[in-house]
C-alpha atoms as a PDB file:
ATOM      1  CA  MET A   1      98.699 190.551 167.039  1.00  0.00           C
ATOM      2  CA  LYS A   2      96.371 187.561 167.281  1.00  0.00           C
ATOM      3  CA  ILE A   3      94.123 189.678 169.473  1.00  0.00           C
ATOM      4  CA  PHE A   4      94.036 192.426 166.847  1.00  0.00           C
ATOM      5  CA  THR A   5      93.254 189.995 164.012  1.00  0.00           C
ATOM      6  CA  LYS A   6      90.509 188.364 166.042  1.00  0.00           C
ATOM      7  CA  SER A   7      89.031 191.792 166.781  1.00  0.00           C
ATOM      8  CA  SER A   8      89.120 192.700 163.087  1.00  0.00           C
ATOM      9  CA  LEU A   9      87.323 189.505 162.098  1.00  0.00           C
ATOM     10  CA  THR A  10      84.765 190.064 164.826  1.00  0.00           C
ATOM     11  CA  ALA A  11      84.144 193.607 163.569  1.00  0.00           C
ATOM     12  CA  LEU A  12      83.775 192.284 160.021  1.00  0.00           C
ATOM     13  CA  THR A  13      81.259 189.658 161.092  1.00  0.00           C
ATOM     14  CA  LEU A  14      79.200 192.230 162.961  1.00  0.00           C
ATOM     15  CA  PHE A  15      79.298 194.592 159.986  1.00  0.00           C
ATOM     16  CA  LEU A  16      78.225 191.965 157.478  1.00  0.00           C
ATOM     17  CA  THR A  17      75.338 190.844 159.652  1.00  0.00           C
ATOM     18  CA  ALA A  18      74.228 194.325 160.680  1.00  0.00           C
ATOM     19  CA  GLY A  19      71.688 194.567 157.878  1.00  0.00           C
ATOM     20  CA  SER A  20      69.605 191.755 159.290  1.00  0.00           C
ATOM     21  CA  ALA A  21      69.513 193.532 162.650  1.00  0.00           C
ATOM     22  CA  TRP A  22      68.119 196.775 161.231  1.00  0.00           C
ATOM     23  CA  ALA A  23      64.434 197.077 161.861  1.00  0.00           C
ATOM     24  CA  TYR A  24      61.509 198.411 159.886  1.00  0.00           C
ATOM     25  CA  PRO A  25      60.013 201.602 161.335  1.00  0.00           C
ATOM     26  CA  VAL A  26      56.975 199.584 162.463  1.00  0.00           C
ATOM     27  CA  ALA A  27      56.090 196.074 163.570  1.00  0.00           C
ATOM     28  CA  VAL A  28      52.895 194.063 163.264  1.00  0.00           C
ATOM     29  CA  GLY A  29      50.452 195.225 165.926  1.00  0.00           C
ATOM     30  CA  ASP A  30      51.877 198.753 166.182  1.00  0.00           C
ATOM     31  CA  THR A  31      49.611 201.780 165.959  1.00  0.00           C
ATOM     32  CA  VAL A  32      50.442 204.225 163.175  1.00  0.00           C
ATOM     33  CA  LYS A  33      49.088 207.736 162.783  1.00  0.00           C
ATOM     34  CA  MET A  34      48.872 208.846 159.163  1.00  0.00           C
ATOM     35  CA  TYR A  35      49.494 212.333 157.798  1.00  0.00           C
ATOM     36  CA  ASN A  36      48.564 213.807 154.441  1.00  0.00           C
ATOM     37  CA  ASN A  37      50.978 216.725 154.304  1.00  0.00           C
ATOM     38  CA  ASP A  38      54.708 216.750 153.596  1.00  0.00           C
ATOM     39  CA  THR A  39      56.322 218.520 156.546  1.00  0.00           C
ATOM     40  CA  MET A  40      59.952 217.376 156.533  1.00  0.00           C
ATOM     41  CA  ALA A  41      62.609 219.236 154.568  1.00  0.00           C
ATOM     42  CA  GLN A  42      63.494 216.495 152.070  1.00  0.00           C
ATOM     43  CA  TYR A  43      62.940 212.808 151.349  1.00  0.00           C
ATOM     44  CA  GLU A  44      59.721 212.983 153.311  1.00  0.00           C
ATOM     45  CA  GLY A  45      57.596 210.721 151.155  1.00  0.00           C
ATOM     46  CA  HIS A  46      54.342 211.682 149.519  1.00  0.00           C
ATOM     47  CA  TYR A  47      52.656 210.930 152.860  1.00  0.00           C
ATOM     48  CA  GLN A  48      53.952 210.423 156.350  1.00  0.00           C
ATOM     49  CA  ALA A  49      53.390 207.908 159.100  1.00  0.00           C
ATOM     50  CA  ASP A  50      54.211 208.083 162.784  1.00  0.00           C
ATOM     51  CA  ASN A  51      54.608 204.952 164.878  1.00  0.00           C
ATOM     52  CA  VAL A  52      53.011 206.015 168.171  1.00  0.00           C
ATOM     53  CA  ASN A  53      54.726 203.073 169.901  1.00  0.00           C
ATOM     54  CA  ASP A  54      58.134 204.784 169.685  1.00  0.00           C
ATOM     55  CA  ALA A  55      59.680 208.252 169.782  1.00  0.00           C
ATOM     56  CA  ALA A  56      61.433 208.064 166.416  1.00  0.00           C
ATOM     57  CA  GLY A  57      59.053 210.526 164.762  1.00  0.00           C
ATOM     58  CA  LYS A  58      57.485 210.506 161.317  1.00  0.00           C
ATOM     59  CA  PHE A  59      58.811 208.586 158.337  1.00  0.00           C
ATOM     60  CA  GLY A  60      58.061 208.957 154.639  1.00  0.00           C
ATOM     61  CA  VAL A  61      55.737 206.531 152.866  1.00  0.00           C
ATOM     62  CA  PHE A  62      54.060 206.115 149.497  1.00  0.00           C
ATOM     63  CA  CYS A  63      50.692 204.536 148.737  1.00  0.00           C
ATOM     64  CA  VAL A  64      50.703 201.182 146.988  1.00  0.00           C
ATOM     65  CA  GLU A  65      47.067 201.095 145.873  1.00  0.00           C
ATOM     66  CA  LEU A  66      45.196 203.916 144.186  1.00  0.00           C
ATOM     67  CA  ASN A  67      41.602 203.137 145.141  1.00  0.00           C
ATOM     68  CA  GLU A  68      42.155 202.721 148.889  1.00  0.00           C
ATOM     69  CA  TYR A  69      42.324 205.570 151.363  1.00  0.00           C
ATOM     70  CA  PHE A  70      43.310 206.740 154.813  1.00  0.00           C
ATOM     71  CA  THR A  71      42.045 209.697 156.813  1.00  0.00           C
ATOM     72  CA  PRO A  72      44.802 212.173 157.766  1.00  0.00           C
ATOM     73  CA  GLY A  73      45.249 212.443 161.517  1.00  0.00           C
ATOM     74  CA  VAL A  74      43.634 209.066 162.190  1.00  0.00           C
ATOM     75  CA  SER A  75      45.510 206.139 163.744  1.00  0.00           C
ATOM     76  CA  TYR A  76      45.555 202.664 162.204  1.00  0.00           C
ATOM     77  CA  LYS A  77      46.872 199.291 163.265  1.00  0.00           C
ATOM     78  CA  VAL A  78      49.612 197.491 161.333  1.00  0.00           C
ATOM     79  CA  ALA A  79      47.898 194.258 160.300  1.00  0.00           C
ATOM     80  CA  SER A  80      50.883 192.832 158.444  1.00  0.00           C
ATOM     81  CA  ILE A  81      54.222 193.608 156.832  1.00  0.00           C
ATOM     82  CA  SER A  82      54.522 191.666 153.609  1.00  0.00           C
ATOM     83  CA  ASN A  83      55.603 191.684 149.963  1.00  0.00           C
ATOM     84  CA  GLY A  84      52.343 193.181 148.760  1.00  0.00           C
ATOM     85  CA  ALA A  85      48.976 194.710 149.518  1.00  0.00           C
ATOM     86  CA  ASN A  86      46.644 192.328 151.330  1.00  0.00           C
ATOM     87  CA  LYS A  87      43.447 193.727 149.886  1.00  0.00           C
ATOM     88  CA  GLY A  88      44.751 194.244 146.385  1.00  0.00           C
ATOM     89  CA  GLY A  89      43.929 197.215 144.213  1.00  0.00           C
ATOM     90  CA  LEU A  90      42.645 197.936 140.751  1.00  0.00           C
ATOM     91  CA  TYR A  91      44.920 195.465 138.975  1.00  0.00           C
ATOM     92  CA  GLY A  92      47.483 192.762 139.657  1.00  0.00           C
ATOM     93  CA  LYS A  93      45.518 190.936 142.340  1.00  0.00           C
ATOM     94  CA  THR A  94      45.995 187.212 142.816  1.00  0.00           C
ATOM     95  CA  SER A  95      43.198 184.735 143.442  1.00  0.00           C
ATOM     96  CA  THR A  96      43.548 185.455 147.165  1.00  0.00           C
ATOM     97  CA  ASN A  97      43.186 189.210 146.593  1.00  0.00           C
ATOM     98  CA  PHE A  98      46.895 189.710 147.382  1.00  0.00           C
ATOM     99  CA  ASP A  99      48.736 192.206 145.167  1.00  0.00           C
ATOM    100  CA  PRO A 100      52.564 191.772 145.273  1.00  0.00           C
ATOM    101  CA  ILE A 101      54.776 194.784 144.625  1.00  0.00           C
ATOM    102  CA  SER A 102      57.073 194.819 141.612  1.00  0.00           C
ATOM    103  CA  LYS A 103      60.859 194.682 141.569  1.00  0.00           C
ATOM    104  CA  GLU A 104      60.873 198.142 140.006  1.00  0.00           C
ATOM    105  CA  THR A 105      58.894 199.525 142.942  1.00  0.00           C
ATOM    106  CA  GLN A 106      61.315 197.900 145.376  1.00  0.00           C
ATOM    107  CA  TRP A 107      64.351 199.379 143.627  1.00  0.00           C
ATOM    108  CA  LEU A 108      62.916 202.894 143.414  1.00  0.00           C
ATOM    109  CA  TYR A 109      61.761 203.004 147.037  1.00  0.00           C
ATOM    110  CA  HIS A 110      65.071 201.485 148.172  1.00  0.00           C
ATOM    111  CA  HIS A 111      66.891 204.456 146.672  1.00  0.00           C
ATOM    112  CA  PHE A 112      64.356 206.833 148.178  1.00  0.00           C
ATOM    113  CA  LEU A 113      65.410 205.405 151.554  1.00  0.00           C
ATOM    114  CA  LEU A 114      69.101 205.774 150.669  1.00  0.00           C
ATOM    115  CA  LYS A 115      68.417 209.409 149.688  1.00  0.00           C
ATOM    116  CA  ASP A 116      70.228 209.052 146.374  1.00  0.00           C
ATOM    117  CA  ILE A 117      67.301 209.204 143.954  1.00  0.00           C
ATOM    118  CA  GLN A 118      68.896 212.006 141.956  1.00  0.00           C
ATOM    119  CA  SER A 119      72.253 210.277 141.586  1.00  0.00           C
ATOM    120  CA  VAL A 120      70.780 206.948 140.397  1.00  0.00           C
ATOM    121  CA  THR A 121      68.060 208.367 138.126  1.00  0.00           C
ATOM    122  CA  GLY A 122      69.382 211.801 137.140  1.00  0.00           C
ATOM    123  CA  ILE A 123      66.056 213.310 138.267  1.00  0.00           C
ATOM    124  CA  THR A 124      65.636 215.751 141.140  1.00  0.00           C
ATOM    125  CA  GLU A 125      63.445 214.118 143.735  1.00  0.00           C
ATOM    126  CA  ASN A 126      59.786 215.046 143.557  1.00  0.00           C
ATOM    127  CA  ASP A 127      57.599 213.043 145.884  1.00  0.00           C
ATOM    128  CA  TYR A 128      54.367 213.524 143.938  1.00  0.00           C
ATOM    129  CA  GLN A 129      56.060 212.319 140.749  1.00  0.00           C
ATOM    130  CA  LEU A 130      57.470 209.342 142.669  1.00  0.00           C
ATOM    131  CA  GLN A 131      53.969 208.517 143.887  1.00  0.00           C
ATOM    132  CA  LEU A 132      52.686 208.531 140.312  1.00  0.00           C
ATOM    133  CA  ALA A 133      55.613 206.304 139.299  1.00  0.00           C
ATOM    134  CA  PHE A 134      54.819 203.807 142.061  1.00  0.00           C
ATOM    135  CA  TRP A 135      51.155 203.686 141.037  1.00  0.00           C
ATOM    136  CA  PHE A 136      52.160 203.125 137.432  1.00  0.00           C
ATOM    137  CA  LEU A 137      54.632 200.381 138.354  1.00  0.00           C
ATOM    138  CA  GLU A 138      51.913 198.706 140.432  1.00  0.00           C
ATOM    139  CA  ASN A 139      49.504 198.844 137.462  1.00  0.00           C
ATOM    140  CA  GLU A 140      47.174 201.150 139.363  1.00  0.00           C
ATOM    141  CA  LEU A 141      47.192 203.534 136.416  1.00  0.00           C
ATOM    142  CA  ASP A 142      47.728 200.595 134.026  1.00  0.00           C
ATOM    143  CA  ASN A 143      48.986 200.732 130.467  1.00  0.00           C
ATOM    144  CA  ARG A 144      45.904 202.485 129.144  1.00  0.00           C
ATOM    145  CA  VAL A 145      47.129 205.695 130.740  1.00  0.00           C
ATOM    146  CA  SER A 146      49.852 207.613 128.967  1.00  0.00           C
ATOM    147  CA  GLN A 147      51.408 211.030 129.390  1.00  0.00           C
ATOM    148  CA  ASN A 148      48.589 212.693 127.443  1.00  0.00           C
ATOM    149  CA  SER A 149      45.661 210.917 129.030  1.00  0.00           C
ATOM    150  CA  THR A 150      44.178 210.733 132.494  1.00  0.00           C
ATOM    151  CA  TYR A 151      42.673 208.237 134.886  1.00  0.00           C
ATOM    152  CA  PHE A 152      39.722 209.448 136.949  1.00  0.00           C
ATOM    153  CA  ASP A 153      39.760 208.586 140.623  1.00  0.00           C
ATOM    154  CA  ALA A 154      37.001 209.640 143.011  1.00  0.00           C
ATOM    155  CA  TYR A 155      39.475 211.067 145.550  1.00  0.00           C
ATOM    156  CA  TYR A 156      42.365 212.373 143.446  1.00  0.00           C
ATOM    157  CA  GLY A 157      40.385 213.407 140.363  1.00  0.00           C
ATOM    158  CA  ASN A 158      42.074 213.132 136.976  1.00  0.00           C
ATOM    159  CA  ILE A 159      45.522 211.563 137.227  1.00  0.00           C
ATOM    160  CA  GLY A 160      47.910 211.323 134.316  1.00  0.00           C
ATOM    161  CA  VAL A 161      51.361 209.805 134.076  1.00  0.00           C
ATOM    162  CA  THR A 162      53.648 212.816 133.759  1.00  0.00           C
ATOM    163  CA  THR A 163      56.967 213.072 131.970  1.00  0.00           C
ATOM    164  CA  GLU A 164      58.867 213.083 135.271  1.00  0.00           C
ATOM    165  CA  ALA A 165      57.040 210.005 136.522  1.00  0.00           C
ATOM    166  CA  GLU A 166      57.794 208.221 133.268  1.00  0.00           C
ATOM    167  CA  LYS A 167      61.507 208.969 133.773  1.00  0.00           C
ATOM    168  CA  TYR A 168      61.399 207.339 137.209  1.00  0.00           C
ATOM    169  CA  VAL A 169      59.630 204.324 135.711  1.00  0.00           C
ATOM    170  CA  ALA A 170      62.176 204.015 132.893  1.00  0.00           C
ATOM    171  CA  ALA A 171      65.111 204.267 135.327  1.00  0.00           C
ATOM    172  CA  ALA A 172      63.631 201.564 137.553  1.00  0.00           C
ATOM    173  CA  GLN A 173      62.904 199.252 134.622  1.00  0.00           C
ATOM    174  CA  LEU A 174      66.442 199.630 133.287  1.00  0.00           C
ATOM    175  CA  ALA A 175      68.010 199.002 136.693  1.00  0.00           C
ATOM    176  CA  VAL A 176      65.953 195.849 137.285  1.00  0.00           C
ATOM    177  CA  SER A 177      66.754 194.554 133.790  1.00  0.00           C
ATOM    178  CA  ARG A 178      70.428 194.821 134.724  1.00  0.00           C
ATOM    179  CA  GLY A 179      69.948 192.854 137.929  1.00  0.00           C
ATOM    180  CA  ALA A 180      70.249 195.783 140.340  1.00  0.00           C
ATOM    181  CA  PHE A 181      70.089 195.269 144.102  1.00  0.00           C
ATOM    182  CA  LEU A 182      66.462 195.784 145.233  1.00  0.00           C
ATOM    183  CA  GLY A 183      67.008 196.480 148.915  1.00  0.00           C
ATOM    184  CA  ASP A 184      64.669 195.450 151.699  1.00  0.00           C
ATOM    185  CA  VAL A 185      61.289 196.941 150.806  1.00  0.00           C
ATOM    186  CA  LYS A 186      57.938 195.787 152.157  1.00  0.00           C
ATOM    187  CA  VAL A 187      54.293 196.844 152.351  1.00  0.00           C
ATOM    188  CA  MET A 188      52.721 198.053 155.577  1.00  0.00           C
ATOM    189  CA  ASN A 189      49.102 196.870 155.513  1.00  0.00           C
ATOM    190  CA  LEU A 190      46.890 198.986 157.760  1.00  0.00           C
ATOM    191  CA  VAL A 191      43.440 198.354 159.213  1.00  0.00           C
ATOM    192  CA  ASP A 192      41.077 200.796 160.899  1.00  0.00           C
ATOM    193  CA  ALA A 193      39.370 200.462 164.277  1.00  0.00           C
ATOM    194  CA  ASN A 194      36.754 198.166 162.720  1.00  0.00           C
ATOM    195  CA  GLY A 195      39.325 195.917 161.054  1.00  0.00           C
ATOM    196  CA  GLY A 196      38.686 197.316 157.585  1.00  0.00           C
ATOM    197  CA  TYR A 197      41.708 197.708 155.287  1.00  0.00           C
ATOM    198  CA  ALA A 198      43.095 201.194 154.779  1.00  0.00           C
ATOM    199  CA  GLN A 199      45.567 202.280 152.122  1.00  0.00           C
ATOM    200  CA  SER A 200      48.695 200.099 152.134  1.00  0.00           C
ATOM    201  CA  GLN A 201      52.053 201.926 152.316  1.00  0.00           C
ATOM    202  CA  LEU A 202      55.622 201.224 151.244  1.00  0.00           C
ATOM    203  CA  ILE A 203      58.176 200.868 154.034  1.00  0.00           C
ATOM    204  CA  GLY A 204      61.696 199.478 154.217  1.00  0.00           C
ATOM    205  CA  GLN A 205      65.217 199.565 155.603  1.00  0.00           C
ATOM    206  CA  PRO A 206      68.088 201.506 153.970  1.00  0.00           C
ATOM    207  CA  VAL A 207      70.325 198.431 153.640  1.00  0.00           C
ATOM    208  CA  PRO A 208      73.617 198.986 151.723  1.00  0.00           C
ATOM    209  CA  GLU A 209      74.293 196.841 148.661  1.00  0.00           C
ATOM    210  CA  PRO A 210      76.141 193.575 149.427  1.00  0.00           C
ATOM    211  CA  SER A 211      79.055 194.669 147.224  1.00  0.00           C
ATOM    212  CA  THR A 212      79.549 197.791 149.348  1.00  0.00           C
ATOM    213  CA  MET A 213      79.471 195.780 152.561  1.00  0.00           C
ATOM    214  CA  LEU A 214      81.965 193.257 151.153  1.00  0.00           C
ATOM    215  CA  LEU A 215      84.354 196.028 150.075  1.00  0.00           C
ATOM    216  CA  VAL A 216      84.348 197.528 153.553  1.00  0.00           C
ATOM    217  CA  GLY A 217      84.727 194.073 155.074  1.00  0.00           C
ATOM    218  CA  ALA A 218      87.659 193.288 152.777  1.00  0.00           C
ATOM    219  CA  GLY A 219      89.249 196.548 153.858  1.00  0.00           C
ATOM    220  CA  LEU A 220      88.958 195.547 157.510  1.00  0.00           C
ATOM    221  CA  ILE A 221      90.594 192.172 156.817  1.00  0.00           C
ATOM    222  CA  GLY A 222      93.349 193.833 154.763  1.00  0.00           C
ATOM    223  CA  LEU A 223      94.030 196.263 157.570  1.00  0.00           C
ATOM    224  CA  GLY A 224      94.355 193.398 160.011  1.00  0.00           C
ATOM    225  CA  PHE A 225      96.859 191.505 157.841  1.00  0.00           C
ATOM    226  CA  ALA A 226      98.857 194.681 157.162  1.00  0.00           C
ATOM    227  CA  ARG A 227      99.177 195.334 160.875  1.00  0.00           C
ATOM    228  CA  ARG A 228     100.181 191.716 161.464  1.00  0.00           C
ATOM    229  CA  LYS A 229     102.872 191.898 158.769  1.00  0.00           C
ATOM    230  CA  ALA A 230     104.245 195.103 160.250  1.00  0.00           C
ATOM    231  CA  GLN A 231     104.347 193.512 163.678  1.00  0.00           C
ATOM    232  CA  ASN A 232     106.233 190.447 162.373  1.00  0.00           C
ATOM    233  CA  LYS A 233     108.958 192.638 160.860  1.00  0.00           C
ATOM    234  CA  ARG A 234     109.822 194.096 164.240  1.00  0.00           C
END
């Protein structure tokens, strides 16, 4: 029985620490090929990236900054993985030109990774609307732009905050105000062959909430004690 209990505790320890072992889809120094079109069936992101250093395939991303760009089909180098955009964007930049992402952005992208956007927001996933929500949350559309007005961008044209995007924003704001788990969400900062910054992208790991991990862990411990009690009765 001692062997079983020890095995249970070992399994629990491994489970609780598994999140830290999960990796982002890229690492600093990797080469990433960017794609403009959504090609996967669902949860594909508004854009896609493919780490050419592995065989894992494409993964879904969303742009952090509105006035920065990438060329579809071109490869870029991952300059850094951080809590914000290195170059900064239209608004929200610090004195060092760094633009940190908001808690609301982290929460929303975390649930994109968990593939439960609809269950936590009540809105059927729409990647273009999510992209608008991220830009709004990052102040790229800023508060001057409402549902009935537009922001002109040289690449995208007139962009307005739609009703669906506003629903995503409201859901994220409410969740953060209630202290929701934000997940492990970062920014992939890309540079081109000349070292110039390209459009920064959201990336992350689909880490379960601590409460979920603790519940499963408690179940493992309970199972171990139940087996031990049954053994002692024999």
